[in-house]
Amino acid sequence: MTPSPACNLSSATARWKSNELGGNYAETAISLGAYGERVRDPQRIAHAPQHAMEVAQGGLPALLEIISKEEETISTHGRSPSLLP
């Protein structure tokens, strides 16, 4: 049985700091000529998709980058005990 990718999360985090990988995807979209918006404020989450859809209806690709809190724990539901970290 092949372990699921989630089982390797703690190992990948310890070895390669995979939980720290990322970038500013909104700026990347803008640099490619699209509309990009990075949303950090929870109050903006409800309104940002509407604005992005309006932009997209005008013919410009749109990307929303929603910044949320990193989960510190992951579910182990359904995993074999031998595959748990």
PDB file of N, CA and C in Angstrom:
ATOM      1  N   MET A   1       0.841  -1.180   0.000  1.00  0.00           N
ATOM      2  CA  MET A   1       0.000   0.000   0.000  1.00  0.00           C
ATOM      3  C   MET A   1       0.882   1.239   0.000  1.00  0.00           C
ATOM      4  N   THR A   2       0.612   2.170  -0.890  1.00  0.00           N
ATOM      5  CA  THR A   2       1.375   3.405  -0.988  1.00  0.00           C
ATOM      6  C   THR A   2       0.812   4.429  -0.007  1.00  0.00           C
ATOM      7  N   PRO A   3       1.677   5.055   0.792  1.00  0.00           N
ATOM      8  CA  PRO A   3       1.174   6.058   1.738  1.00  0.00           C
ATOM      9  C   PRO A   3       0.627   7.264   0.993  1.00  0.00           C
ATOM     10  N   SER A   4      -0.395   7.887   1.551  1.00  0.00           N
ATOM     11  CA  SER A   4      -0.953   9.083   0.922  1.00  0.00           C
ATOM     12  C   SER A   4       0.027  10.234   1.092  1.00  0.00           C
ATOM     13  N   PRO A   5      -0.040  11.228   0.183  1.00  0.00           N
ATOM     14  CA  PRO A   5       0.861  12.388   0.298  1.00  0.00           C
ATOM     15  C   PRO A   5       0.752  13.094   1.643  1.00  0.00           C
ATOM     16  N   ALA A   6      -0.438  13.101   2.233  1.00  0.00           N
ATOM     17  CA  ALA A   6      -0.609  13.776   3.527  1.00  0.00           C
ATOM     18  C   ALA A   6       0.228  13.121   4.617  1.00  0.00           C
ATOM     19  N   CYS A   7       0.491  11.818   4.481  1.00  0.00           N
ATOM     20  CA  CYS A   7       1.296  11.114   5.481  1.00  0.00           C
ATOM     21  C   CYS A   7       2.730  11.610   5.481  1.00  0.00           C
ATOM     22  N   ASN A   8       3.157  12.164   4.369  1.00  0.00           N
ATOM     23  CA  ASN A   8       4.525  12.635   4.239  1.00  0.00           C
ATOM     24  C   ASN A   8       4.683  14.100   4.618  1.00  0.00           C
ATOM     25  N   LEU A   9       3.584  14.748   5.020  1.00  0.00           N
ATOM     26  CA  LEU A   9       3.627  16.172   5.313  1.00  0.00           C
ATOM     27  C   LEU A   9       4.630  16.522   6.402  1.00  0.00           C
ATOM     28  N   SER A  10       4.628  15.805   7.504  1.00  0.00           N
ATOM     29  CA  SER A  10       5.548  16.151   8.594  1.00  0.00           C
ATOM     30  C   SER A  10       6.990  15.932   8.165  1.00  0.00           C
ATOM     31  N   SER A  11       7.247  14.897   7.391  1.00  0.00           N
ATOM     32  CA  SER A  11       8.598  14.637   6.901  1.00  0.00           C
ATOM     33  C   SER A  11       9.054  15.732   5.937  1.00  0.00           C
ATOM     34  N   ALA A  12       8.178  16.112   5.010  1.00  0.00           N
ATOM     35  CA  ALA A  12       8.521  17.158   4.040  1.00  0.00           C
ATOM     36  C   ALA A  12       8.721  18.503   4.733  1.00  0.00           C
ATOM     37  N   THR A  13       7.933  18.763   5.760  1.00  0.00           N
ATOM     38  CA  THR A  13       8.089  20.009   6.511  1.00  0.00           C
ATOM     39  C   THR A  13       9.440  20.027   7.225  1.00  0.00           C
ATOM     40  N   ALA A  14       9.795  18.921   7.866  1.00  0.00           N
ATOM     41  CA  ALA A  14      11.064  18.852   8.596  1.00  0.00           C
ATOM     42  C   ALA A  14      12.263  18.911   7.646  1.00  0.00           C
ATOM     43  N   ARG A  15      12.188  18.180   6.544  1.00  0.00           N
ATOM     44  CA  ARG A  15      13.341  18.102   5.631  1.00  0.00           C
ATOM     45  C   ARG A  15      13.507  19.334   4.755  1.00  0.00           C
ATOM     46  N   TRP A  16      12.406  19.791   4.157  1.00  0.00           N
ATOM     47  CA  TRP A  16      12.508  20.832   3.128  1.00  0.00           C
ATOM     48  C   TRP A  16      11.719  22.090   3.443  1.00  0.00           C
ATOM     49  N   LYS A  17      11.149  22.177   4.645  1.00  0.00           N
ATOM     50  CA  LYS A  17      10.330  23.331   5.038  1.00  0.00           C
ATOM     51  C   LYS A  17       9.236  23.600   4.001  1.00  0.00           C
ATOM     52  N   SER A  18       8.584  22.520   3.559  1.00  0.00           N
ATOM     53  CA  SER A  18       7.562  22.630   2.519  1.00  0.00           C
ATOM     54  C   SER A  18       6.392  23.512   2.926  1.00  0.00           C
ATOM     55  N   ASN A  19       6.168  23.670   4.216  1.00  0.00           N
ATOM     56  CA  ASN A  19       5.089  24.539   4.675  1.00  0.00           C
ATOM     57  C   ASN A  19       5.440  26.019   4.511  1.00  0.00           C
ATOM     58  N   GLU A  20       6.676  26.334   4.177  1.00  0.00           N
ATOM     59  CA  GLU A  20       7.099  27.712   3.995  1.00  0.00           C
ATOM     60  C   GLU A  20       7.206  28.093   2.519  1.00  0.00           C
ATOM     61  N   LEU A  21       6.912  27.144   1.623  1.00  0.00           N
ATOM     62  CA  LEU A  21       6.980  27.450   0.201  1.00  0.00           C
ATOM     63  C   LEU A  21       5.804  28.323  -0.186  1.00  0.00           C
ATOM     64  N   GLY A  22       6.013  29.175  -1.102  1.00  0.00           N
ATOM     65  CA  GLY A  22       4.929  30.035  -1.548  1.00  0.00           C
ATOM     66  C   GLY A  22       5.490  31.205  -2.320  1.00  0.00           C
ATOM     67  N   GLY A  23       4.669  32.137  -2.562  1.00  0.00           N
ATOM     68  CA  GLY A  23       5.066  33.322  -3.293  1.00  0.00           C
ATOM     69  C   GLY A  23       3.918  34.295  -3.287  1.00  0.00           C
ATOM     70  N   ASN A  24       4.102  35.367  -3.990  1.00  0.00           N
ATOM     71  CA  ASN A  24       3.025  36.333  -4.125  1.00  0.00           C
ATOM     72  C   ASN A  24       2.385  36.088  -5.484  1.00  0.00           C
ATOM     73  N   TYR A  25       1.381  35.226  -5.504  1.00  0.00           N
ATOM     74  CA  TYR A  25       0.753  34.823  -6.749  1.00  0.00           C
ATOM     75  C   TYR A  25      -0.024  35.966  -7.392  1.00  0.00           C
ATOM     76  N   ALA A  26      -0.559  36.876  -6.593  1.00  0.00           N
ATOM     77  CA  ALA A  26      -1.268  38.029  -7.146  1.00  0.00           C
ATOM     78  C   ALA A  26      -0.308  38.901  -7.950  1.00  0.00           C
ATOM     79  N   GLU A  27       0.876  39.147  -7.420  1.00  0.00           N
ATOM     80  CA  GLU A  27       1.862  39.946  -8.165  1.00  0.00           C
ATOM     81  C   GLU A  27       2.309  39.233  -9.430  1.00  0.00           C
ATOM     82  N   THR A  28       2.407  37.913  -9.376  1.00  0.00           N
ATOM     83  CA  THR A  28       2.772  37.150 -10.567  1.00  0.00           C
ATOM     84  C   THR A  28       1.696  37.314 -11.632  1.00  0.00           C
ATOM     85  N   ALA A  29       0.436  37.233 -11.251  1.00  0.00           N
ATOM     86  CA  ALA A  29      -0.662  37.417 -12.200  1.00  0.00           C
ATOM     87  C   ALA A  29      -0.588  38.800 -12.838  1.00  0.00           C
ATOM     88  N   ILE A  30      -0.344  39.815 -12.027  1.00  0.00           N
ATOM     89  CA  ILE A  30      -0.250  41.187 -12.536  1.00  0.00           C
ATOM     90  C   ILE A  30       0.906  41.296 -13.521  1.00  0.00           C
ATOM     91  N   SER A  31       2.031  40.690 -13.190  1.00  0.00           N
ATOM     92  CA  SER A  31       3.198  40.779 -14.081  1.00  0.00           C
ATOM     93  C   SER A  31       2.946  40.091 -15.422  1.00  0.00           C
ATOM     94  N   LEU A  32       1.988  39.173 -15.452  1.00  0.00           N
ATOM     95  CA  LEU A  32       1.640  38.483 -16.697  1.00  0.00           C
ATOM     96  C   LEU A  32       0.480  39.160 -17.431  1.00  0.00           C
ATOM     97  N   GLY A  33       0.051  40.311 -16.929  1.00  0.00           N
ATOM     98  CA  GLY A  33      -0.993  41.071 -17.598  1.00  0.00           C
ATOM     99  C   GLY A  33      -2.401  40.767 -17.133  1.00  0.00           C
ATOM    100  N   ALA A  34      -2.548  40.006 -16.085  1.00  0.00           N
ATOM    101  CA  ALA A  34      -3.869  39.666 -15.545  1.00  0.00           C
ATOM    102  C   ALA A  34      -4.171  40.562 -14.348  1.00  0.00           C
ATOM    103  N   TYR A  35      -5.385  40.431 -13.833  1.00  0.00           N
ATOM    104  CA  TYR A  35      -5.750  41.092 -12.589  1.00  0.00           C
ATOM    105  C   TYR A  35      -5.375  40.162 -11.448  1.00  0.00           C
ATOM    106  N   GLY A  36      -4.693  40.668 -10.462  1.00  0.00           N
ATOM    107  CA  GLY A  36      -4.339  39.875  -9.296  1.00  0.00           C
ATOM    108  C   GLY A  36      -4.638  40.653  -8.035  1.00  0.00           C
ATOM    109  N   GLU A  37      -5.183  39.967  -7.056  1.00  0.00           N
ATOM    110  CA  GLU A  37      -5.470  40.608  -5.767  1.00  0.00           C
ATOM    111  C   GLU A  37      -5.147  39.634  -4.652  1.00  0.00           C
ATOM    112  N   ARG A  38      -4.358  40.101  -3.704  1.00  0.00           N
ATOM    113  CA  ARG A  38      -4.035  39.321  -2.512  1.00  0.00           C
ATOM    114  C   ARG A  38      -4.956  39.788  -1.399  1.00  0.00           C
ATOM    115  N   VAL A  39      -5.758  38.872  -0.869  1.00  0.00           N
ATOM    116  CA  VAL A  39      -6.749  39.212   0.153  1.00  0.00           C
ATOM    117  C   VAL A  39      -6.285  38.660   1.488  1.00  0.00           C
ATOM    118  N   ARG A  40      -6.002  39.565   2.425  1.00  0.00           N
ATOM    119  CA  ARG A  40      -5.585  39.185   3.778  1.00  0.00           C
ATOM    120  C   ARG A  40      -6.659  39.480   4.809  1.00  0.00           C
ATOM    121  N   ASP A  41      -7.457  40.491   4.529  1.00  0.00           N
ATOM    122  CA  ASP A  41      -8.486  40.934   5.465  1.00  0.00           C
ATOM    123  C   ASP A  41      -9.736  40.067   5.307  1.00  0.00           C
ATOM    124  N   PRO A  42     -10.151  39.373   6.367  1.00  0.00           N
ATOM    125  CA  PRO A  42     -11.343  38.526   6.269  1.00  0.00           C
ATOM    126  C   PRO A  42     -12.589  39.283   5.800  1.00  0.00           C
ATOM    127  N   GLN A  43     -12.656  40.575   6.084  1.00  0.00           N
ATOM    128  CA  GLN A  43     -13.808  41.374   5.658  1.00  0.00           C
ATOM    129  C   GLN A  43     -13.861  41.528   4.134  1.00  0.00           C
ATOM    130  N   ARG A  44     -12.724  41.373   3.456  1.00  0.00           N
ATOM    131  CA  ARG A  44     -12.658  41.522   1.993  1.00  0.00           C
ATOM    132  C   ARG A  44     -12.995  40.222   1.260  1.00  0.00           C
ATOM    133  N   ILE A  45     -12.967  39.099   1.954  1.00  0.00           N
ATOM    134  CA  ILE A  45     -13.168  37.818   1.282  1.00  0.00           C
ATOM    135  C   ILE A  45     -14.525  37.755   0.593  1.00  0.00           C
ATOM    136  N   ALA A  46     -15.553  38.297   1.193  1.00  0.00           N
ATOM    137  CA  ALA A  46     -16.890  38.245   0.602  1.00  0.00           C
ATOM    138  C   ALA A  46     -17.002  39.115  -0.653  1.00  0.00           C
ATOM    139  N   HIS A  47     -16.240  40.202  -0.729  1.00  0.00           N
ATOM    140  CA  HIS A  47     -16.378  41.151  -1.836  1.00  0.00           C
ATOM    141  C   HIS A  47     -15.377  40.907  -2.967  1.00  0.00           C
ATOM    142  N   ALA A  48     -14.244  40.349  -2.661  1.00  0.00           N
ATOM    143  CA  ALA A  48     -13.190  40.171  -3.667  1.00  0.00           C
ATOM    144  C   ALA A  48     -13.625  39.312  -4.855  1.00  0.00           C
ATOM    145  N   PRO A  49     -14.334  38.192  -4.663  1.00  0.00           N
ATOM    146  CA  PRO A  49     -14.735  37.403  -5.828  1.00  0.00           C
ATOM    147  C   PRO A  49     -15.639  38.171  -6.800  1.00  0.00           C
ATOM    148  N   GLN A  50     -16.526  38.986  -6.276  1.00  0.00           N
ATOM    149  CA  GLN A  50     -17.410  39.770  -7.152  1.00  0.00           C
ATOM    150  C   GLN A  50     -16.591  40.717  -8.019  1.00  0.00           C
ATOM    151  N   HIS A  51     -15.628  41.386  -7.413  1.00  0.00           N
ATOM    152  CA  HIS A  51     -14.786  42.309  -8.184  1.00  0.00           C
ATOM    153  C   HIS A  51     -13.970  41.548  -9.220  1.00  0.00           C
ATOM    154  N   ALA A  52     -13.413  40.417  -8.844  1.00  0.00           N
ATOM    155  CA  ALA A  52     -12.624  39.612  -9.784  1.00  0.00           C
ATOM    156  C   ALA A  52     -13.488  39.130 -10.945  1.00  0.00           C
ATOM    157  N   MET A  53     -14.742  38.770 -10.673  1.00  0.00           N
ATOM    158  CA  MET A  53     -15.643  38.335 -11.747  1.00  0.00           C
ATOM    159  C   MET A  53     -15.978  39.483 -12.683  1.00  0.00           C
ATOM    160  N   GLU A  54     -16.139  40.681 -12.144  1.00  0.00           N
ATOM    161  CA  GLU A  54     -16.395  41.852 -12.991  1.00  0.00           C
ATOM    162  C   GLU A  54     -15.212  42.108 -13.921  1.00  0.00           C
ATOM    163  N   VAL A  55     -14.007  41.989 -13.375  1.00  0.00           N
ATOM    164  CA  VAL A  55     -12.799  42.162 -14.175  1.00  0.00           C
ATOM    165  C   VAL A  55     -12.748  41.091 -15.263  1.00  0.00           C
ATOM    166  N   ALA A  56     -13.019  39.844 -14.892  1.00  0.00           N
ATOM    167  CA  ALA A  56     -12.963  38.736 -15.846  1.00  0.00           C
ATOM    168  C   ALA A  56     -14.016  38.885 -16.941  1.00  0.00           C
ATOM    169  N   GLN A  57     -15.183  39.393 -16.598  1.00  0.00           N
ATOM    170  CA  GLN A  57     -16.218  39.610 -17.605  1.00  0.00           C
ATOM    171  C   GLN A  57     -15.789  40.663 -18.625  1.00  0.00           C
ATOM    172  N   GLY A  58     -14.866  41.520 -18.223  1.00  0.00           N
ATOM    173  CA  GLY A  58     -14.311  42.512 -19.134  1.00  0.00           C
ATOM    174  C   GLY A  58     -13.213  41.940 -20.021  1.00  0.00           C
ATOM    175  N   GLY A  59     -12.900  40.663 -19.839  1.00  0.00           N
ATOM    176  CA  GLY A  59     -11.940  40.001 -20.711  1.00  0.00           C
ATOM    177  C   GLY A  59     -10.549  39.808 -20.134  1.00  0.00           C
ATOM    178  N   LEU A  60     -10.322  40.252 -18.926  1.00  0.00           N
ATOM    179  CA  LEU A  60      -9.002  40.119 -18.309  1.00  0.00           C
ATOM    180  C   LEU A  60      -9.008  38.915 -17.365  1.00  0.00           C
ATOM    181  N   PRO A  61      -8.032  38.025 -17.466  1.00  0.00           N
ATOM    182  CA  PRO A  61      -7.957  36.926 -16.495  1.00  0.00           C
ATOM    183  C   PRO A  61      -7.804  37.502 -15.090  1.00  0.00           C
ATOM    184  N   ALA A  62      -8.365  36.814 -14.112  1.00  0.00           N
ATOM    185  CA  ALA A  62      -8.319  37.300 -12.729  1.00  0.00           C
ATOM    186  C   ALA A  62      -7.889  36.180 -11.789  1.00  0.00           C
ATOM    187  N   LEU A  63      -7.066  36.558 -10.821  1.00  0.00           N
ATOM    188  CA  LEU A  63      -6.605  35.610  -9.813  1.00  0.00           C
ATOM    189  C   LEU A  63      -6.773  36.235  -8.438  1.00  0.00           C
ATOM    190  N   LEU A  64      -7.399  35.494  -7.545  1.00  0.00           N
ATOM    191  CA  LEU A  64      -7.502  35.917  -6.147  1.00  0.00           C
ATOM    192  C   LEU A  64      -6.600  35.023  -5.324  1.00  0.00           C
ATOM    193  N   GLU A  65      -5.765  35.645  -4.533  1.00  0.00           N
ATOM    194  CA  GLU A  65      -4.886  34.922  -3.620  1.00  0.00           C
ATOM    195  C   GLU A  65      -5.403  35.197  -2.210  1.00  0.00           C
ATOM    196  N   ILE A  66      -6.024  34.201  -1.604  1.00  0.00           N
ATOM    197  CA  ILE A  66      -6.596  34.354  -0.267  1.00  0.00           C
ATOM    198  C   ILE A  66      -5.573  33.848   0.746  1.00  0.00           C
ATOM    199  N   ILE A  67      -5.150  34.721   1.632  1.00  0.00           N
ATOM    200  CA  ILE A  67      -4.172  34.365   2.653  1.00  0.00           C
ATOM    201  C   ILE A  67      -4.931  33.943   3.905  1.00  0.00           C
ATOM    202  N   SER A  68      -4.639  32.737   4.365  1.00  0.00           N
ATOM    203  CA  SER A  68      -5.299  32.224   5.562  1.00  0.00           C
ATOM    204  C   SER A  68      -4.242  31.696   6.527  1.00  0.00           C
ATOM    205  N   LYS A  69      -4.672  31.281   7.675  1.00  0.00           N
ATOM    206  CA  LYS A  69      -3.760  30.756   8.686  1.00  0.00           C
ATOM    207  C   LYS A  69      -3.349  29.338   8.325  1.00  0.00           C
ATOM    208  N   GLU A  70      -2.094  29.038   8.487  1.00  0.00           N
ATOM    209  CA  GLU A  70      -1.592  27.693   8.264  1.00  0.00           C
ATOM    210  C   GLU A  70      -2.121  26.775   9.360  1.00  0.00           C
ATOM    211  N   GLU A  71      -2.584  25.610   8.950  1.00  0.00           N
ATOM    212  CA  GLU A  71      -3.047  24.641   9.925  1.00  0.00           C
ATOM    213  C   GLU A  71      -1.846  24.029  10.633  1.00  0.00           C
ATOM    214  N   GLU A  72      -1.915  23.925  11.934  1.00  0.00           N
ATOM    215  CA  GLU A  72      -0.814  23.366  12.701  1.00  0.00           C
ATOM    216  C   GLU A  72      -0.964  21.874  12.905  1.00  0.00           C
ATOM    217  N   THR A  73      -2.178  21.383  12.755  1.00  0.00           N
ATOM    218  CA  THR A  73      -2.411  19.953  12.899  1.00  0.00           C
ATOM    219  C   THR A  73      -3.153  19.470  11.661  1.00  0.00           C
ATOM    220  N   ILE A  74      -2.979  18.215  11.342  1.00  0.00           N
ATOM    221  CA  ILE A  74      -3.679  17.639  10.211  1.00  0.00           C
ATOM    222  C   ILE A  74      -4.476  16.434  10.671  1.00  0.00           C
ATOM    223  N   SER A  75      -5.515  16.133   9.939  1.00  0.00           N
ATOM    224  CA  SER A  75      -6.359  15.000  10.290  1.00  0.00           C
ATOM    225  C   SER A  75      -5.618  13.690  10.050  1.00  0.00           C
ATOM    226  N   THR A  76      -5.839  12.728  10.925  1.00  0.00           N
ATOM    227  CA  THR A  76      -5.281  11.393  10.734  1.00  0.00           C
ATOM    228  C   THR A  76      -6.411  10.395  10.496  1.00  0.00           C
ATOM    229  N   HIS A  77      -7.612  10.882  10.266  1.00  0.00           N
ATOM    230  CA  HIS A  77      -8.779  10.020  10.069  1.00  0.00           C
ATOM    231  C   HIS A  77      -8.553   9.073   8.894  1.00  0.00           C
ATOM    232  N   GLY A  78      -8.771   7.808   9.125  1.00  0.00           N
ATOM    233  CA  GLY A  78      -8.700   6.816   8.062  1.00  0.00           C
ATOM    234  C   GLY A  78      -7.304   6.335   7.715  1.00  0.00           C
ATOM    235  N   ARG A  79      -6.292   6.808   8.398  1.00  0.00           N
ATOM    236  CA  ARG A  79      -4.929   6.373   8.096  1.00  0.00           C
ATOM    237  C   ARG A  79      -4.540   5.192   8.962  1.00  0.00           C
ATOM    238  N   SER A  80      -3.769   4.344   8.370  1.00  0.00           N
ATOM    239  CA  SER A  80      -3.240   3.203   9.111  1.00  0.00           C
ATOM    240  C   SER A  80      -2.272   3.707  10.171  1.00  0.00           C
ATOM    241  N   PRO A  81      -2.338   3.211  11.401  1.00  0.00           N
ATOM    242  CA  PRO A  81      -1.420   3.655  12.456  1.00  0.00           C
ATOM    243  C   PRO A  81       0.050   3.508  12.047  1.00  0.00           C
ATOM    244  N   SER A  82       0.366   2.536  11.201  1.00  0.00           N
ATOM    245  CA  SER A  82       1.764   2.349  10.789  1.00  0.00           C
ATOM    246  C   SER A  82       2.247   3.470   9.871  1.00  0.00           C
ATOM    247  N   LEU A  83       1.316   4.249   9.300  1.00  0.00           N
ATOM    248  CA  LEU A  83       1.701   5.340   8.396  1.00  0.00           C
ATOM    249  C   LEU A  83       1.742   6.697   9.081  1.00  0.00           C
ATOM    250  N   LEU A  84       1.326   6.741  10.328  1.00  0.00           N
ATOM    251  CA  LEU A  84       1.314   8.015  11.043  1.00  0.00           C
ATOM    252  C   LEU A  84       2.710   8.400  11.483  1.00  0.00           C
ATOM    253  N   PRO A  85       2.980   9.715  11.503  1.00  0.00           N
ATOM    254  CA  PRO A  85       4.310  10.182  11.930  1.00  0.00           C
ATOM    255  C   PRO A  85       4.601   9.857  13.368  1.00  0.00           C
TER     256      PRO A  85
END
